[in-house]
PDB file of all heavy atoms in Angstrom:
ATOM      1  N   PHE A   1     100.645 142.751 -38.824  1.00  0.00           N
ATOM      2  CA  PHE A   1     101.662 141.838 -38.445  1.00  0.00           C
ATOM      3  C   PHE A   1     102.077 142.021 -36.982  1.00  0.00           C
ATOM      4  O   PHE A   1     102.091 141.054 -36.189  1.00  0.00           O
ATOM      5  CB  PHE A   1     102.900 141.957 -39.351  1.00  0.00           C
ATOM      6  CG  PHE A   1     104.027 141.010 -39.062  1.00  0.00           C
ATOM      7  CD1 PHE A   1     103.982 139.737 -39.549  1.00  0.00           C
ATOM      8  CD2 PHE A   1     105.145 141.416 -38.313  1.00  0.00           C
ATOM      9  CE1 PHE A   1     105.024 138.871 -39.316  1.00  0.00           C
ATOM     10  CE2 PHE A   1     106.194 140.535 -38.059  1.00  0.00           C
ATOM     11  CZ  PHE A   1     106.086 139.236 -38.559  1.00  0.00           C
ATOM     12  N   ASP A   2     102.445 143.226 -36.610  1.00  0.00           N
ATOM     13  CA  ASP A   2     102.926 143.471 -35.247  1.00  0.00           C
ATOM     14  C   ASP A   2     101.871 143.188 -34.194  1.00  0.00           C
ATOM     15  O   ASP A   2     102.183 142.644 -33.105  1.00  0.00           O
ATOM     16  CB  ASP A   2     103.375 144.930 -35.132  1.00  0.00           C
ATOM     17  CG  ASP A   2     104.663 145.195 -35.986  1.00  0.00           C
ATOM     18  OD1 ASP A   2     105.518 144.326 -36.080  1.00  0.00           O
ATOM     19  OD2 ASP A   2     104.694 146.260 -36.592  1.00  0.00           O
ATOM     20  N   ASP A   3     100.587 143.501 -34.470  1.00  0.00           N
ATOM     21  CA  ASP A   3      99.536 143.242 -33.532  1.00  0.00           C
ATOM     22  C   ASP A   3      99.444 141.732 -33.242  1.00  0.00           C
ATOM     23  O   ASP A   3      99.303 141.291 -32.068  1.00  0.00           O
ATOM     24  CB  ASP A   3      98.176 143.740 -34.048  1.00  0.00           C
ATOM     25  CG  ASP A   3      98.092 145.226 -34.117  1.00  0.00           C
ATOM     26  OD1 ASP A   3      98.942 145.904 -33.448  1.00  0.00           O
ATOM     27  OD2 ASP A   3      97.242 145.772 -34.814  1.00  0.00           O
ATOM     28  N   ALA A   4      99.469 140.923 -34.296  1.00  0.00           N
ATOM     29  CA  ALA A   4      99.339 139.481 -34.140  1.00  0.00           C
ATOM     30  C   ALA A   4     100.551 138.874 -33.454  1.00  0.00           C
ATOM     31  O   ALA A   4     100.431 138.014 -32.559  1.00  0.00           O
ATOM     32  CB  ALA A   4      99.136 138.835 -35.514  1.00  0.00           C
ATOM     33  N   VAL A   5     101.779 139.353 -33.835  1.00  0.00           N
ATOM     34  CA  VAL A   5     102.993 138.839 -33.203  1.00  0.00           C
ATOM     35  C   VAL A   5     102.978 139.137 -31.682  1.00  0.00           C
ATOM     36  O   VAL A   5     103.257 138.266 -30.866  1.00  0.00           O
ATOM     37  CB  VAL A   5     104.251 139.437 -33.867  1.00  0.00           C
ATOM     38  CG1 VAL A   5     105.471 139.124 -33.053  1.00  0.00           C
ATOM     39  CG2 VAL A   5     104.397 138.926 -35.271  1.00  0.00           C
ATOM     40  N   ASP A   6     102.545 140.344 -31.280  1.00  0.00           N
ATOM     41  CA  ASP A   6     102.485 140.692 -29.849  1.00  0.00           C
ATOM     42  C   ASP A   6     101.479 139.804 -29.156  1.00  0.00           C
ATOM     43  O   ASP A   6     101.742 139.355 -28.003  1.00  0.00           O
ATOM     44  CB  ASP A   6     102.123 142.166 -29.737  1.00  0.00           C
ATOM     45  CG  ASP A   6     103.256 143.097 -30.138  1.00  0.00           C
ATOM     46  OD1 ASP A   6     104.361 142.630 -30.250  1.00  0.00           O
ATOM     47  OD2 ASP A   6     102.976 144.301 -30.352  1.00  0.00           O
ATOM     48  N   ALA A   7     100.329 139.552 -29.776  1.00  0.00           N
ATOM     49  CA  ALA A   7      99.325 138.746 -29.151  1.00  0.00           C
ATOM     50  C   ALA A   7      99.877 137.291 -28.913  1.00  0.00           C
ATOM     51  O   ALA A   7      99.620 136.697 -27.865  1.00  0.00           O
ATOM     52  CB  ALA A   7      98.071 138.680 -30.036  1.00  0.00           C
ATOM     53  N   GLY A   8     100.575 136.767 -29.899  1.00  0.00           N
ATOM     54  CA  GLY A   8     101.158 135.432 -29.755  1.00  0.00           C
ATOM     55  C   GLY A   8     102.165 135.365 -28.645  1.00  0.00           C
ATOM     56  O   GLY A   8     102.251 134.437 -27.872  1.00  0.00           O
ATOM     57  N   TYR A   9     103.044 136.388 -28.625  1.00  0.00           N
ATOM     58  CA  TYR A   9     104.107 136.456 -27.605  1.00  0.00           C
ATOM     59  C   TYR A   9     103.522 136.612 -26.221  1.00  0.00           C
ATOM     60  O   TYR A   9     103.928 135.863 -25.268  1.00  0.00           O
ATOM     61  CB  TYR A   9     105.009 137.666 -27.877  1.00  0.00           C
ATOM     62  CG  TYR A   9     106.196 137.752 -26.901  1.00  0.00           C
ATOM     63  CD1 TYR A   9     107.354 137.002 -27.169  1.00  0.00           C
ATOM     64  CD2 TYR A   9     106.131 138.562 -25.807  1.00  0.00           C
ATOM     65  CE1 TYR A   9     108.441 137.053 -26.275  1.00  0.00           C
ATOM     66  CE2 TYR A   9     107.192 138.611 -24.890  1.00  0.00           C
ATOM     67  CZ  TYR A   9     108.364 137.894 -25.156  1.00  0.00           C
ATOM     68  OH  TYR A   9     109.405 137.925 -24.280  1.00  0.00           O
ATOM     69  N   ASN A  10     102.507 137.433 -26.051  1.00  0.00           N
ATOM     70  CA  ASN A  10     101.912 137.654 -24.729  1.00  0.00           C
ATOM     71  C   ASN A  10     101.169 136.377 -24.209  1.00  0.00           C
ATOM     72  O   ASN A  10     101.269 136.040 -23.065  1.00  0.00           O
ATOM     73  CB  ASN A  10     100.916 138.811 -24.769  1.00  0.00           C
ATOM     74  CG  ASN A  10     101.625 140.161 -25.011  1.00  0.00           C
ATOM     75  OD1 ASN A  10     102.810 140.301 -24.713  1.00  0.00           O
ATOM     76  ND2 ASN A  10     100.901 141.148 -25.550  1.00  0.00           N
ATOM     77  N   ALA A  11     100.469 135.706 -25.144  1.00  0.00           N
ATOM     78  CA  ALA A  11      99.770 134.519 -24.772  1.00  0.00           C
ATOM     79  C   ALA A  11     100.729 133.404 -24.345  1.00  0.00           C
ATOM     80  O   ALA A  11     100.517 132.709 -23.361  1.00  0.00           O
ATOM     81  CB  ALA A  11      98.831 134.027 -25.905  1.00  0.00           C
ATOM     82  N   ALA A  12     101.750 133.252 -25.141  1.00  0.00           N
ATOM     83  CA  ALA A  12     102.762 132.189 -24.808  1.00  0.00           C
ATOM     84  C   ALA A  12     103.494 132.518 -23.514  1.00  0.00           C
ATOM     85  O   ALA A  12     103.744 131.624 -22.716  1.00  0.00           O
ATOM     86  CB  ALA A  12     103.732 131.984 -25.967  1.00  0.00           C
ATOM     87  N   THR A  13     103.889 133.756 -23.358  1.00  0.00           N
ATOM     88  CA  THR A  13     104.613 134.208 -22.123  1.00  0.00           C
ATOM     89  C   THR A  13     103.742 133.946 -20.899  1.00  0.00           C
ATOM     90  O   THR A  13     104.281 133.418 -19.864  1.00  0.00           O
ATOM     91  CB  THR A  13     104.993 135.627 -22.201  1.00  0.00           C
ATOM     92  OG1 THR A  13     105.840 135.862 -23.338  1.00  0.00           O
ATOM     93  CG2 THR A  13     105.720 136.107 -20.943  1.00  0.00           C
ATOM     94  N   ALA A  14     102.451 134.270 -20.952  1.00  0.00           N
ATOM     95  CA  ALA A  14     101.548 134.029 -19.831  1.00  0.00           C
ATOM     96  C   ALA A  14     101.456 132.553 -19.530  1.00  0.00           C
ATOM     97  O   ALA A  14     101.419 132.118 -18.352  1.00  0.00           O
ATOM     98  CB  ALA A  14     100.179 134.645 -20.109  1.00  0.00           C
ATOM     99  N   LEU A  15     101.368 131.729 -20.546  1.00  0.00           N
ATOM    100  CA  LEU A  15     101.279 130.279 -20.376  1.00  0.00           C
ATOM    101  C   LEU A  15     102.512 129.755 -19.709  1.00  0.00           C
ATOM    102  O   LEU A  15     102.465 128.890 -18.815  1.00  0.00           O
ATOM    103  CB  LEU A  15     101.062 129.630 -21.725  1.00  0.00           C
ATOM    104  CG  LEU A  15     100.661 128.128 -21.732  1.00  0.00           C
ATOM    105  CD1 LEU A  15      99.321 127.903 -21.056  1.00  0.00           C
ATOM    106  CD2 LEU A  15     100.614 127.617 -23.192  1.00  0.00           C
ATOM    107  N   ILE A  16     103.661 130.175 -20.153  1.00  0.00           N
ATOM    108  CA  ILE A  16     104.953 129.729 -19.622  1.00  0.00           C
ATOM    109  C   ILE A  16     105.088 130.123 -18.153  1.00  0.00           C
ATOM    110  O   ILE A  16     105.509 129.308 -17.291  1.00  0.00           O
ATOM    111  CB  ILE A  16     106.131 130.263 -20.403  1.00  0.00           C
ATOM    112  CG1 ILE A  16     106.118 129.684 -21.850  1.00  0.00           C
ATOM    113  CG2 ILE A  16     107.477 129.984 -19.726  1.00  0.00           C
ATOM    114  CD1 ILE A  16     107.011 130.389 -22.837  1.00  0.00           C
ATOM    115  N   LYS A  17     104.674 131.337 -17.799  1.00  0.00           N
ATOM    116  CA  LYS A  17     104.803 131.821 -16.411  1.00  0.00           C
ATOM    117  C   LYS A  17     103.871 131.018 -15.462  1.00  0.00           C
ATOM    118  O   LYS A  17     104.142 130.918 -14.320  1.00  0.00           O
ATOM    119  CB  LYS A  17     104.446 133.313 -16.340  1.00  0.00           C
ATOM    120  CG  LYS A  17     105.514 134.237 -16.928  1.00  0.00           C
ATOM    121  CD  LYS A  17     105.122 135.678 -16.781  1.00  0.00           C
ATOM    122  CE  LYS A  17     106.261 136.564 -17.298  1.00  0.00           C
ATOM    123  NZ  LYS A  17     105.883 138.060 -17.229  1.00  0.00           N
ATOM    124  N   ALA A  18     102.774 130.489 -16.031  1.00  0.00           N
ATOM    125  CA  ALA A  18     101.824 129.753 -15.216  1.00  0.00           C
ATOM    126  C   ALA A  18     102.291 128.310 -14.958  1.00  0.00           C
ATOM    127  O   ALA A  18     101.642 127.608 -14.153  1.00  0.00           O
ATOM    128  CB  ALA A  18     100.443 129.741 -15.900  1.00  0.00           C
ATOM    129  N   LEU A  19     103.321 127.878 -15.662  1.00  0.00           N
ATOM    130  CA  LEU A  19     103.766 126.475 -15.513  1.00  0.00           C
ATOM    131  C   LEU A  19     104.447 126.295 -14.135  1.00  0.00           C
ATOM    132  O   LEU A  19     105.138 127.181 -13.607  1.00  0.00           O
ATOM    133  CB  LEU A  19     104.778 126.123 -16.564  1.00  0.00           C
ATOM    134  CG  LEU A  19     104.225 125.980 -18.002  1.00  0.00           C
ATOM    135  CD1 LEU A  19     105.436 125.774 -18.997  1.00  0.00           C
ATOM    136  CD2 LEU A  19     103.307 124.770 -18.115  1.00  0.00           C
ATOM    137  N   GLU A  20     104.230 125.106 -13.555  1.00  0.00           N
ATOM    138  CA  GLU A  20     104.998 124.753 -12.335  1.00  0.00           C
ATOM    139  C   GLU A  20     106.408 124.513 -12.750  1.00  0.00           C
ATOM    140  O   GLU A  20     106.684 124.112 -13.880  1.00  0.00           O
ATOM    141  CB  GLU A  20     104.341 123.474 -11.722  1.00  0.00           C
ATOM    142  CG  GLU A  20     102.927 123.607 -11.245  1.00  0.00           C
ATOM    143  CD  GLU A  20     102.814 124.545 -10.057  1.00  0.00           C
ATOM    144  OE1 GLU A  20     103.843 124.663  -9.309  1.00  0.00           O
ATOM    145  OE2 GLU A  20     101.737 125.121  -9.881  1.00  0.00           O
ATOM    146  N   PRO A  21     107.352 124.737 -11.826  1.00  0.00           N
ATOM    147  CA  PRO A  21     108.792 124.588 -12.119  1.00  0.00           C
ATOM    148  C   PRO A  21     109.123 123.232 -12.742  1.00  0.00           C
ATOM    149  O   PRO A  21     109.936 123.123 -13.701  1.00  0.00           O
ATOM    150  CB  PRO A  21     109.496 124.820 -10.778  1.00  0.00           C
ATOM    151  CG  PRO A  21     108.546 125.668  -9.988  1.00  0.00           C
ATOM    152  CD  PRO A  21     107.147 125.268 -10.424  1.00  0.00           C
ATOM    153  N   GLU A  22     108.490 122.156 -12.219  1.00  0.00           N
ATOM    154  CA  GLU A  22     108.823 120.831 -12.725  1.00  0.00           C
ATOM    155  C   GLU A  22     108.315 120.626 -14.148  1.00  0.00           C
ATOM    156  O   GLU A  22     108.895 119.920 -14.973  1.00  0.00           O
ATOM    157  CB  GLU A  22     108.271 119.707 -11.798  1.00  0.00           C
ATOM    158  CG  GLU A  22     106.786 119.713 -11.593  1.00  0.00           C
ATOM    159  CD  GLU A  22     106.287 120.564 -10.409  1.00  0.00           C
ATOM    160  OE1 GLU A  22     107.133 121.477  -9.984  1.00  0.00           O
ATOM    161  OE2 GLU A  22     105.254 120.334  -9.886  1.00  0.00           O
ATOM    162  N   ASP A  23     107.154 121.290 -14.462  1.00  0.00           N
ATOM    163  CA  ASP A  23     106.631 121.206 -15.828  1.00  0.00           C
ATOM    164  C   ASP A  23     107.480 121.991 -16.802  1.00  0.00           C
ATOM    165  O   ASP A  23     107.750 121.523 -17.903  1.00  0.00           O
ATOM    166  CB  ASP A  23     105.196 121.711 -15.876  1.00  0.00           C
ATOM    167  CG  ASP A  23     104.219 120.776 -15.149  1.00  0.00           C
ATOM    168  OD1 ASP A  23     104.461 119.584 -15.173  1.00  0.00           O
ATOM    169  OD2 ASP A  23     103.252 121.312 -14.571  1.00  0.00           O
ATOM    170  N   LEU A  24     107.961 123.163 -16.383  1.00  0.00           N
ATOM    171  CA  LEU A  24     108.841 123.967 -17.199  1.00  0.00           C
ATOM    172  C   LEU A  24     110.149 123.191 -17.502  1.00  0.00           C
ATOM    173  O   LEU A  24     110.642 123.157 -18.613  1.00  0.00           O
ATOM    174  CB  LEU A  24     109.171 125.293 -16.565  1.00  0.00           C
ATOM    175  CG  LEU A  24     110.069 126.265 -17.387  1.00  0.00           C
ATOM    176  CD1 LEU A  24     109.488 126.507 -18.750  1.00  0.00           C
ATOM    177  CD2 LEU A  24     110.262 127.570 -16.616  1.00  0.00           C
ATOM    178  N   ALA A  25     110.664 122.490 -16.473  1.00  0.00           N
ATOM    179  CA  ALA A  25     111.884 121.721 -16.638  1.00  0.00           C
ATOM    180  C   ALA A  25     111.660 120.559 -17.613  1.00  0.00           C
ATOM    181  O   ALA A  25     112.551 120.182 -18.347  1.00  0.00           O
ATOM    182  CB  ALA A  25     112.300 121.148 -15.279  1.00  0.00           C
ATOM    183  N   ARG A  26     110.428 120.038 -17.641  1.00  0.00           N
ATOM    184  CA  ARG A  26     110.099 118.948 -18.549  1.00  0.00           C
ATOM    185  C   ARG A  26     110.213 119.440 -20.023  1.00  0.00           C
ATOM    186  O   ARG A  26     110.730 118.739 -20.868  1.00  0.00           O
ATOM    187  CB  ARG A  26     108.703 118.512 -18.273  1.00  0.00           C
ATOM    188  CG  ARG A  26     108.116 117.434 -19.167  1.00  0.00           C
ATOM    189  CD  ARG A  26     106.656 117.220 -18.797  1.00  0.00           C
ATOM    190  NE  ARG A  26     105.974 116.266 -19.663  1.00  0.00           N
ATOM    191  CZ  ARG A  26     104.692 116.208 -19.909  1.00  0.00           C
ATOM    192  NH1 ARG A  26     103.949 117.191 -19.322  1.00  0.00           N
ATOM    193  NH2 ARG A  26     104.142 115.367 -20.656  1.00  0.00           N
ATOM    194  N   TYR A  27     109.734 120.688 -20.311  1.00  0.00           N
ATOM    195  CA  TYR A  27     109.842 121.206 -21.663  1.00  0.00           C
ATOM    196  C   TYR A  27     111.221 121.661 -21.998  1.00  0.00           C
ATOM    197  O   TYR A  27     111.578 121.801 -23.196  1.00  0.00           O
ATOM    198  CB  TYR A  27     108.811 122.294 -21.823  1.00  0.00           C
ATOM    199  CG  TYR A  27     107.396 121.866 -21.751  1.00  0.00           C
ATOM    200  CD1 TYR A  27     106.615 122.197 -20.643  1.00  0.00           C
ATOM    201  CD2 TYR A  27     106.842 120.994 -22.724  1.00  0.00           C
ATOM    202  CE1 TYR A  27     105.282 121.720 -20.551  1.00  0.00           C
ATOM    203  CE2 TYR A  27     105.547 120.564 -22.652  1.00  0.00           C
ATOM    204  CZ  TYR A  27     104.805 120.897 -21.575  1.00  0.00           C
ATOM    205  OH  TYR A  27     103.501 120.445 -21.456  1.00  0.00           O
ATOM    206  N   ARG A  28     112.029 121.910 -20.990  1.00  0.00           N
ATOM    207  CA  ARG A  28     113.460 122.401 -21.285  1.00  0.00           C
ATOM    208  C   ARG A  28     114.386 121.177 -21.246  1.00  0.00           C
ATOM    209  O   ARG A  28     115.626 121.400 -21.360  1.00  0.00           O
ATOM    210  CB  ARG A  28     113.880 123.353 -20.179  1.00  0.00           C
ATOM    211  CG  ARG A  28     113.290 124.738 -20.274  1.00  0.00           C
ATOM    212  CD  ARG A  28     113.718 125.565 -19.063  1.00  0.00           C
ATOM    213  NE  ARG A  28     113.347 126.941 -19.210  1.00  0.00           N
ATOM    214  CZ  ARG A  28     113.432 127.825 -18.182  1.00  0.00           C
ATOM    215  NH1 ARG A  28     113.836 127.392 -16.987  1.00  0.00           N
ATOM    216  NH2 ARG A  28     113.127 129.064 -18.361  1.00  0.00           N
TER     217      ARG A  28
END
């Protein structure tokens, strides 16, 4: 469980950090 949860968190965090500010604002 923990291995998979960490993998999902890391992948999503990397994706969010790669977003341009205007794109992040769009999702927020």
